[in-house]
Protein backbone atom coordinates (compact mmCIF):
# COMPACT_ATOMS: atom_id res chain seq x y z
CA UNK A 1 122.79 32.74 -30.38
CA UNK A 2 121.62 29.16 -31.01
CA UNK A 3 121.76 27.87 -34.58
CA UNK A 4 118.25 27.04 -35.82
CA UNK A 5 117.24 23.58 -37.03
CA UNK A 6 118.35 23.48 -40.68
CA UNK A 7 114.88 23.07 -42.20
CA UNK A 8 112.33 25.76 -42.89
CA UNK A 9 109.36 26.38 -45.14
CA UNK A 10 108.02 29.58 -46.64
CA UNK A 11 104.38 29.51 -45.50
CA UNK A 12 101.65 30.86 -47.77
CA UNK A 13 97.86 31.19 -47.63
CA UNK A 14 96.99 31.11 -51.32
CA UNK A 15 98.20 29.13 -54.32
CA UNK A 16 101.84 29.74 -53.45
CA UNK A 17 103.00 31.28 -56.72
CA UNK A 18 104.46 34.29 -54.91
CA UNK A 19 106.28 31.91 -52.58
CA UNK A 20 107.50 29.93 -55.62
CA UNK A 21 109.00 33.09 -57.09
CA UNK A 22 110.54 34.04 -53.73
CA UNK A 23 112.16 30.61 -53.32
CA UNK A 24 113.61 30.85 -56.84
CA UNK A 25 114.86 34.41 -56.24
CA UNK A 26 116.49 33.43 -52.96
CA UNK A 27 118.22 30.40 -54.49
CA UNK A 28 119.50 32.43 -57.45
CA UNK A 29 120.68 35.26 -55.18
CA UNK A 30 122.66 32.83 -53.03
CA UNK A 31 124.19 31.27 -56.13
CA UNK A 32 125.15 34.70 -57.48
CA UNK A 33 126.92 35.27 -54.16
CA UNK A 34 128.99 32.11 -54.54
CA UNK A 35 126.87 29.86 -52.32
CA UNK A 36 126.49 26.17 -53.18
CA UNK A 37 122.76 25.71 -53.68
CA UNK A 38 121.09 22.57 -55.01
CA UNK A 39 117.53 21.46 -55.49
CA UNK A 40 114.37 22.12 -57.42
CA UNK A 41 112.26 25.21 -58.05
CA UNK A 42 108.95 25.57 -59.85
CA UNK A 43 109.17 26.74 -63.46
CA UNK A 44 107.40 30.09 -63.80
CA UNK A 45 106.62 32.12 -66.90
CA UNK A 46 107.66 35.76 -67.37
CA UNK A 47 104.62 36.86 -65.31
CA UNK A 48 105.45 34.62 -62.35
CA UNK A 49 102.73 32.09 -63.17
CA UNK A 50 103.44 28.36 -63.02
CA UNK A 51 104.10 26.79 -66.39
CA UNK A 52 101.42 24.37 -67.55
CA UNK A 53 101.85 21.48 -67.42
CA UNK A 54 103.92 21.96 -64.28
CA UNK A 55 107.72 21.66 -64.48
CA UNK A 56 110.53 21.74 -61.96
CA UNK A 57 113.96 23.23 -62.63
CA UNK A 58 117.23 21.91 -61.20
CA UNK A 59 118.88 25.07 -59.78
CA UNK A 60 122.35 23.71 -60.51
CA UNK A 61 122.00 22.54 -64.12
CA UNK A 62 118.76 24.32 -65.18
CA UNK A 63 117.44 20.96 -66.39
CA UNK A 64 113.64 20.92 -66.56
CA UNK A 65 111.57 18.05 -65.22
CA UNK A 66 107.94 17.88 -66.37
CA UNK A 67 105.88 16.71 -63.38
CA UNK A 68 102.42 17.53 -64.66
CA UNK A 69 100.24 15.94 -67.29
CA UNK A 70 97.91 17.91 -69.52
CA UNK A 71 94.57 16.23 -68.83
CA UNK A 72 92.55 18.75 -70.80
CA UNK A 73 90.66 21.89 -69.82
CA UNK A 74 87.68 20.10 -68.25
CA UNK A 75 89.59 17.66 -66.05
CA UNK A 76 89.46 17.99 -62.27
CA UNK A 77 91.74 15.02 -61.65
CA UNK A 78 95.21 15.31 -60.15
CA UNK A 79 97.57 16.05 -63.02
CA UNK A 80 100.74 15.10 -61.17
CA UNK A 81 102.97 12.77 -63.19
CA UNK A 82 104.62 10.26 -60.81
CA UNK A 83 107.34 9.37 -63.32
CA UNK A 84 108.33 13.04 -63.52
CA UNK A 85 108.60 13.21 -59.73
CA UNK A 86 110.82 10.14 -59.70
CA UNK A 87 113.13 11.68 -62.31
CA UNK A 88 113.29 15.01 -60.43
CA UNK A 89 113.97 13.26 -57.12
CA UNK A 90 117.38 12.26 -58.52
CA UNK A 91 118.41 15.92 -58.14
CA UNK A 92 117.67 15.71 -54.41
CA UNK A 93 119.46 12.41 -53.97
CA UNK A 94 122.54 13.92 -55.66
CA UNK A 95 122.36 16.84 -53.22
CA UNK A 96 122.63 14.40 -50.32
CA UNK A 97 126.13 13.51 -51.48
CA UNK A 98 127.22 16.99 -52.59
CA UNK A 99 126.39 18.55 -49.18
CA UNK A 100 125.56 22.05 -50.51
CA UNK A 101 125.03 25.03 -48.24
CA UNK A 102 121.31 24.92 -49.01
CA UNK A 103 118.87 22.60 -50.76
CA UNK A 104 115.66 24.16 -52.05
CA UNK A 105 112.64 22.00 -52.79
CA UNK A 106 109.74 23.52 -54.66
CA UNK A 107 107.00 22.32 -52.35
CA UNK A 108 105.93 20.37 -49.31
CA UNK A 109 102.42 19.67 -50.59
CA UNK A 110 99.70 17.05 -50.47
CA UNK A 111 101.98 14.28 -51.73
CA UNK A 112 104.63 14.99 -49.10
CA UNK A 113 102.01 15.41 -46.36
CA UNK A 114 100.83 11.88 -47.23
CA UNK A 115 104.40 10.52 -47.00
CA UNK A 116 104.96 10.44 -50.77
CA UNK A 117 106.50 12.88 -53.25
CA UNK A 118 109.80 14.24 -51.95
CA UNK A 119 109.11 13.49 -48.26
CA UNK A 120 111.80 10.79 -48.01
CA UNK A 121 114.45 13.03 -49.54
CA UNK A 122 113.42 15.89 -47.23
CA UNK A 123 113.67 13.68 -44.17
CA UNK A 124 117.12 12.38 -45.13
CA UNK A 125 118.36 15.96 -45.73
CA UNK A 126 117.12 16.92 -42.26
CA UNK A 127 118.75 13.88 -40.65
CA UNK A 128 122.06 14.72 -42.35
CA UNK A 129 121.79 18.34 -41.17
CA UNK A 130 121.87 19.77 -44.70
CA UNK A 131 119.95 23.07 -44.73
CA UNK A 132 116.62 22.72 -46.50
CA UNK A 133 114.13 25.38 -47.58
CA UNK A 134 110.76 24.61 -49.15
CA UNK A 135 107.29 26.11 -49.61
CA UNK A 136 104.22 24.96 -47.68
CA UNK A 137 100.61 26.07 -47.47
CA UNK A 138 98.94 26.57 -44.11
CA UNK A 139 96.87 23.43 -44.69
CA UNK A 140 100.02 21.24 -44.76
CA UNK A 141 101.95 23.05 -42.02
CA UNK A 142 101.10 20.46 -39.34
CA UNK A 143 102.34 17.62 -41.57
CA UNK A 144 105.52 19.61 -42.30
CA UNK A 145 106.19 19.98 -38.59
CA UNK A 146 105.41 16.29 -37.97
CA UNK A 147 107.91 15.22 -40.66
CA UNK A 148 110.65 17.11 -38.82
CA UNK A 149 109.67 15.96 -35.35
CA UNK A 150 108.46 19.48 -34.61
CA UNK A 151 111.85 21.06 -35.28
CA UNK A 152 111.36 22.59 -38.74
CA UNK A 153 109.95 26.09 -38.81
CA UNK A 154 107.61 28.13 -40.95
CA UNK A 155 108.79 31.48 -42.27
CA UNK A 156 106.76 34.35 -43.68
CA UNK A 157 107.25 35.00 -47.42
CA UNK A 158 109.82 37.81 -47.15
CA UNK A 159 113.34 37.85 -48.58
CA UNK A 160 114.95 39.53 -45.52
CA UNK A 161 113.50 36.80 -43.27
CA UNK A 162 114.96 34.09 -45.51
CA UNK A 163 118.33 35.84 -45.53
CA UNK A 164 118.42 36.09 -41.72
CA UNK A 165 117.45 32.41 -41.35
CA UNK A 166 120.19 31.30 -43.77
CA UNK A 167 122.82 33.60 -42.22
CA UNK A 168 122.10 32.06 -38.80
CA UNK A 169 122.74 28.62 -40.33
CA UNK A 170 125.81 29.71 -42.28
CA UNK A 171 127.27 32.80 -40.60
CA UNK A 172 129.93 33.20 -43.29
CA UNK A 173 127.30 33.40 -46.04
CA UNK A 174 126.21 37.02 -45.89
CA UNK A 175 123.99 37.68 -48.89
CA UNK A 176 124.75 40.75 -50.96
CA UNK A 177 121.75 42.22 -52.72
CA UNK A 178 121.86 44.78 -55.47
CA UNK A 179 120.89 48.35 -54.44
């Protein structure tokens, strides 16, 4: 069996909050099983809804990085805070040197599709062969594939699929789930 390219994205049709929760659950499950996981997940409230303004959480230290600005209830402008993204990107640059078994990145979105956001860090992780898992909407799937030279894959939002993908990358990393 051939080892897959070490980059994949959970593909979603909607706003991605279910995929955000799945990425976080998968990262935490791997960590609970002794896997070295690094990266960023989206902060969700107790109902699985994104915190507002948006925040990212470092899965290693649980440090929160605010990446959204509160522009008020009537604003339709992009609320992304570039300084927050820069601060959070340090987590990904650290992961490049730590060589974990998996790096999770909250999203390959509009910023990354335009060559900004975390796209540079994602590309360097792929070049170094460090397994990477992110979330992408169907509308950015083509850009995701272009970033990887057509080698990264899209996965349906299902925990067993993520587990099989990761086990093919790291055969000694069988994930134990609670009954």
